């Protein structure tokens, strides 16, 4: 597709009045909804896999048993009950990365979890303080 065709399509999508109407090459014709053919497609892929088609087997395995992108990691981490506890937890992560027990990427992901948890703790503490202030203000005339 040349750039003039892209330009015409972009003009049509933007509602440009001078844009040409869509041509047959710009549109796709599908005779049946995809969901109505799904059982046939699945049956064909399974049949191909049974006949030894490794690409079909890969399609099936990718759907029923996808490969994990990461693996569970276990290491000692101090309990975080207050935002200030995150300092010790961050130090523990850094130590594990430095010792080679965690990759830098794993350390970064665990640190993101801690950061999110600290934000949750801070929001909870803020709400408690706000309710206490509102209750105290409600008692005064």
C-alpha atoms as a PDB file:
ATOM      1  CA  UNK A   1       0.000   0.000   0.000  1.00  0.00           C
ATOM      2  CA  UNK A   2       1.586   3.291  -1.008  1.00  0.00           C
ATOM      3  CA  UNK A   3       1.632   6.440   1.103  1.00  0.00           C
ATOM      4  CA  UNK A   4      -1.202   8.065  -0.866  1.00  0.00           C
ATOM      5  CA  UNK A   5      -3.456   5.154   0.075  1.00  0.00           C
ATOM      6  CA  UNK A   6      -2.479   5.580   3.746  1.00  0.00           C
ATOM      7  CA  UNK A   7      -3.211   9.292   3.465  1.00  0.00           C
ATOM      8  CA  UNK A   8      -6.672   8.646   1.955  1.00  0.00           C
ATOM      9  CA  UNK A   9      -7.486   6.110   4.663  1.00  0.00           C
ATOM     10  CA  UNK A  10      -6.356   8.539   7.390  1.00  0.00           C
ATOM     11  CA  UNK A  11      -8.475  11.296   5.845  1.00  0.00           C
ATOM     12  CA  UNK A  12     -11.501   8.980   5.752  1.00  0.00           C
ATOM     13  CA  UNK A  13     -10.965   7.936   9.371  1.00  0.00           C
ATOM     14  CA  UNK A  14     -10.766  11.605  10.370  1.00  0.00           C
ATOM     15  CA  UNK A  15     -14.035  12.327   8.506  1.00  0.00           C
ATOM     16  CA  UNK A  16     -12.367  14.483   5.842  1.00  0.00           C
ATOM     17  CA  UNK A  17     -15.074  15.485   3.301  1.00  0.00           C
ATOM     18  CA  UNK A  18     -12.717  15.264   0.287  1.00  0.00           C
ATOM     19  CA  UNK A  19     -11.592  11.749   1.104  1.00  0.00           C
ATOM     20  CA  UNK A  20     -12.480   9.051  -1.360  1.00  0.00           C
ATOM     21  CA  UNK A  21     -14.896   6.336  -0.237  1.00  0.00           C
ATOM     22  CA  UNK A  22     -13.355   3.036   0.808  1.00  0.00           C
ATOM     23  CA  UNK A  23     -12.435   0.747  -2.057  1.00  0.00           C
ATOM     24  CA  UNK A  24     -12.715  -3.013  -2.043  1.00  0.00           C
ATOM     25  CA  UNK A  25      -8.983  -3.293  -1.317  1.00  0.00           C
ATOM     26  CA  UNK A  26      -9.394  -1.156   1.818  1.00  0.00           C
ATOM     27  CA  UNK A  27     -12.040  -3.345   3.423  1.00  0.00           C
ATOM     28  CA  UNK A  28     -12.097  -6.976   4.467  1.00  0.00           C
ATOM     29  CA  UNK A  29     -15.074  -9.216   3.862  1.00  0.00           C
ATOM     30  CA  UNK A  30     -15.794 -11.879   6.437  1.00  0.00           C
ATOM     31  CA  UNK A  31     -18.706 -14.148   5.736  1.00  0.00           C
ATOM     32  CA  UNK A  32     -19.086 -15.665   9.217  1.00  0.00           C
ATOM     33  CA  UNK A  33     -18.415 -14.229  12.645  1.00  0.00           C
ATOM     34  CA  UNK A  34     -15.151 -15.573  14.045  1.00  0.00           C
ATOM     35  CA  UNK A  35     -16.787 -17.016  17.159  1.00  0.00           C
ATOM     36  CA  UNK A  36     -19.086 -19.225  15.078  1.00  0.00           C
ATOM     37  CA  UNK A  37     -16.076 -20.881  13.389  1.00  0.00           C
ATOM     38  CA  UNK A  38     -14.059 -21.280  16.588  1.00  0.00           C
ATOM     39  CA  UNK A  39     -14.846 -24.997  17.146  1.00  0.00           C
ATOM     40  CA  UNK A  40     -13.797 -25.803  13.573  1.00  0.00           C
ATOM     41  CA  UNK A  41     -10.551 -23.850  13.909  1.00  0.00           C
ATOM     42  CA  UNK A  42      -9.729 -25.534  17.213  1.00  0.00           C
ATOM     43  CA  UNK A  43     -10.472 -28.962  15.763  1.00  0.00           C
ATOM     44  CA  UNK A  44      -8.225 -28.254  12.765  1.00  0.00           C
ATOM     45  CA  UNK A  45      -5.324 -27.104  14.953  1.00  0.00           C
ATOM     46  CA  UNK A  46      -5.684 -30.140  17.235  1.00  0.00           C
ATOM     47  CA  UNK A  47      -5.805 -32.481  14.229  1.00  0.00           C
ATOM     48  CA  UNK A  48      -2.673 -30.878  12.769  1.00  0.00           C
ATOM     49  CA  UNK A  49      -0.865 -31.211  16.103  1.00  0.00           C
ATOM     50  CA  UNK A  50      -1.814 -34.891  16.326  1.00  0.00           C
ATOM     51  CA  UNK A  51      -0.322 -35.398  12.851  1.00  0.00           C
ATOM     52  CA  UNK A  52       2.981 -33.955  14.067  1.00  0.00           C
ATOM     53  CA  UNK A  53       2.664 -30.289  13.094  1.00  0.00           C
ATOM     54  CA  UNK A  54       4.918 -28.682  15.710  1.00  0.00           C
ATOM     55  CA  UNK A  55       3.596 -25.166  15.056  1.00  0.00           C
ATOM     56  CA  UNK A  56       0.050 -26.378  15.777  1.00  0.00           C
ATOM     57  CA  UNK A  57       1.320 -28.100  18.930  1.00  0.00           C
ATOM     58  CA  UNK A  58       3.020 -24.863  20.003  1.00  0.00           C
ATOM     59  CA  UNK A  59      -0.231 -22.916  19.479  1.00  0.00           C
ATOM     60  CA  UNK A  60      -2.080 -25.359  21.718  1.00  0.00           C
ATOM     61  CA  UNK A  61       0.593 -25.434  24.418  1.00  0.00           C
ATOM     62  CA  UNK A  62       0.877 -21.650  24.444  1.00  0.00           C
ATOM     63  CA  UNK A  63      -2.840 -21.468  25.218  1.00  0.00           C
ATOM     64  CA  UNK A  64      -3.261 -24.260  27.746  1.00  0.00           C
ATOM     65  CA  UNK A  65       0.107 -24.032  29.522  1.00  0.00           C
ATOM     66  CA  UNK A  66       1.688 -20.644  28.842  1.00  0.00           C
ATOM     67  CA  UNK A  67       5.332 -20.224  29.755  1.00  0.00           C
ATOM     68  CA  UNK A  68       5.863 -18.246  32.948  1.00  0.00           C
ATOM     69  CA  UNK A  69       7.569 -14.920  32.443  1.00  0.00           C
ATOM     70  CA  UNK A  70       9.186 -15.075  35.851  1.00  0.00           C
ATOM     71  CA  UNK A  71       9.633 -17.475  38.720  1.00  0.00           C
ATOM     72  CA  UNK A  72       8.871 -17.285  42.424  1.00  0.00           C
ATOM     73  CA  UNK A  73      11.654 -15.816  44.510  1.00  0.00           C
ATOM     74  CA  UNK A  74      12.145 -16.384  48.206  1.00  0.00           C
ATOM     75  CA  UNK A  75      14.373 -14.350  50.494  1.00  0.00           C
ATOM     76  CA  UNK A  76      14.105 -12.849  53.979  1.00  0.00           C
ATOM     77  CA  UNK A  77      12.221  -9.561  53.941  1.00  0.00           C
ATOM     78  CA  UNK A  78      11.372  -7.533  57.047  1.00  0.00           C
ATOM     79  CA  UNK A  79       7.676  -7.110  57.780  1.00  0.00           C
ATOM     80  CA  UNK A  80       6.274  -3.779  56.621  1.00  0.00           C
ATOM     81  CA  UNK A  81       3.655  -2.347  58.957  1.00  0.00           C
ATOM     82  CA  UNK A  82       4.451   1.359  58.595  1.00  0.00           C
ATOM     83  CA  UNK A  83       5.860   3.357  55.673  1.00  0.00           C
ATOM     84  CA  UNK A  84       9.123   3.782  57.567  1.00  0.00           C
ATOM     85  CA  UNK A  85       9.585  -0.032  57.560  1.00  0.00           C
ATOM     86  CA  UNK A  86      10.112   0.160  53.797  1.00  0.00           C
ATOM     87  CA  UNK A  87      13.667   1.410  54.387  1.00  0.00           C
ATOM     88  CA  UNK A  88      14.714  -1.897  55.947  1.00  0.00           C
ATOM     89  CA  UNK A  89      12.879  -3.847  53.256  1.00  0.00           C
ATOM     90  CA  UNK A  90      14.605  -1.858  50.508  1.00  0.00           C
ATOM     91  CA  UNK A  91      17.962  -2.484  52.177  1.00  0.00           C
ATOM     92  CA  UNK A  92      17.212  -6.221  52.240  1.00  0.00           C
ATOM     93  CA  UNK A  93      16.414  -6.185  48.521  1.00  0.00           C
ATOM     94  CA  UNK A  94      19.596  -4.291  47.716  1.00  0.00           C
ATOM     95  CA  UNK A  95      21.609  -6.752  49.787  1.00  0.00           C
ATOM     96  CA  UNK A  96      20.066  -9.728  47.956  1.00  0.00           C
ATOM     97  CA  UNK A  97      20.869  -8.149  44.586  1.00  0.00           C
ATOM     98  CA  UNK A  98      24.424  -7.381  45.703  1.00  0.00           C
ATOM     99  CA  UNK A  99      24.892 -10.975  46.922  1.00  0.00           C
ATOM    100  CA  UNK A 100      23.635 -12.342  43.588  1.00  0.00           C
ATOM    101  CA  UNK A 101      20.541 -13.976  45.063  1.00  0.00           C
ATOM    102  CA  UNK A 102      18.242 -11.684  43.071  1.00  0.00           C
ATOM    103  CA  UNK A 103      18.758 -10.253  39.620  1.00  0.00           C
ATOM    104  CA  UNK A 104      18.533  -6.474  39.346  1.00  0.00           C
ATOM    105  CA  UNK A 105      15.235  -6.928  37.477  1.00  0.00           C
ATOM    106  CA  UNK A 106      13.800  -9.116  40.234  1.00  0.00           C
ATOM    107  CA  UNK A 107      14.934  -6.593  42.834  1.00  0.00           C
ATOM    108  CA  UNK A 108      13.284  -3.789  40.868  1.00  0.00           C
ATOM    109  CA  UNK A 109       9.988  -5.702  40.676  1.00  0.00           C
ATOM    110  CA  UNK A 110       9.966  -6.473  44.408  1.00  0.00           C
ATOM    111  CA  UNK A 111      10.768  -2.818  45.122  1.00  0.00           C
ATOM    112  CA  UNK A 112       7.746  -1.810  43.023  1.00  0.00           C
ATOM    113  CA  UNK A 113       5.555  -4.094  45.129  1.00  0.00           C
ATOM    114  CA  UNK A 114       6.889  -2.502  48.303  1.00  0.00           C
ATOM    115  CA  UNK A 115       6.326   0.976  46.875  1.00  0.00           C
ATOM    116  CA  UNK A 116       2.702   0.141  46.067  1.00  0.00           C
ATOM    117  CA  UNK A 117       2.164  -1.328  49.518  1.00  0.00           C
ATOM    118  CA  UNK A 118       3.644   1.763  51.175  1.00  0.00           C
ATOM    119  CA  UNK A 119       1.264   3.978  49.159  1.00  0.00           C
ATOM    120  CA  UNK A 120      -1.617   1.838  50.406  1.00  0.00           C
ATOM    121  CA  UNK A 121      -0.412   2.183  54.002  1.00  0.00           C
ATOM    122  CA  UNK A 122      -0.056   5.955  53.614  1.00  0.00           C
ATOM    123  CA  UNK A 123      -3.556   6.265  52.175  1.00  0.00           C
ATOM    124  CA  UNK A 124      -4.942   4.202  55.045  1.00  0.00           C
ATOM    125  CA  UNK A 125      -3.136   6.308  57.645  1.00  0.00           C
ATOM    126  CA  UNK A 126      -4.312   9.509  55.960  1.00  0.00           C
ATOM    127  CA  UNK A 127      -7.915   8.297  56.037  1.00  0.00           C
ATOM    128  CA  UNK A 128      -7.667   7.437  59.755  1.00  0.00           C
ATOM    129  CA  UNK A 129      -6.229  10.876  60.552  1.00  0.00           C
ATOM    130  CA  UNK A 130      -8.876  12.624  58.472  1.00  0.00           C
ATOM    131  CA  UNK A 131     -11.703  10.751  60.217  1.00  0.00           C
ATOM    132  CA  UNK A 132     -10.225  11.639  63.605  1.00  0.00           C
ATOM    133  CA  UNK A 133     -10.048  15.321  62.633  1.00  0.00           C
ATOM    134  CA  UNK A 134     -13.596  15.279  61.293  1.00  0.00           C
ATOM    135  CA  UNK A 135     -14.852  13.597  64.461  1.00  0.00           C
ATOM    136  CA  UNK A 136     -13.046  16.160  66.622  1.00  0.00           C
ATOM    137  CA  UNK A 137     -14.436  19.032  64.552  1.00  0.00           C
ATOM    138  CA  UNK A 138     -17.935  17.573  64.831  1.00  0.00           C
ATOM    139  CA  UNK A 139     -17.798  17.597  68.628  1.00  0.00           C
ATOM    140  CA  UNK A 140     -17.072  21.328  68.801  1.00  0.00           C
ATOM    141  CA  UNK A 141     -19.878  23.916  68.504  1.00  0.00           C
END
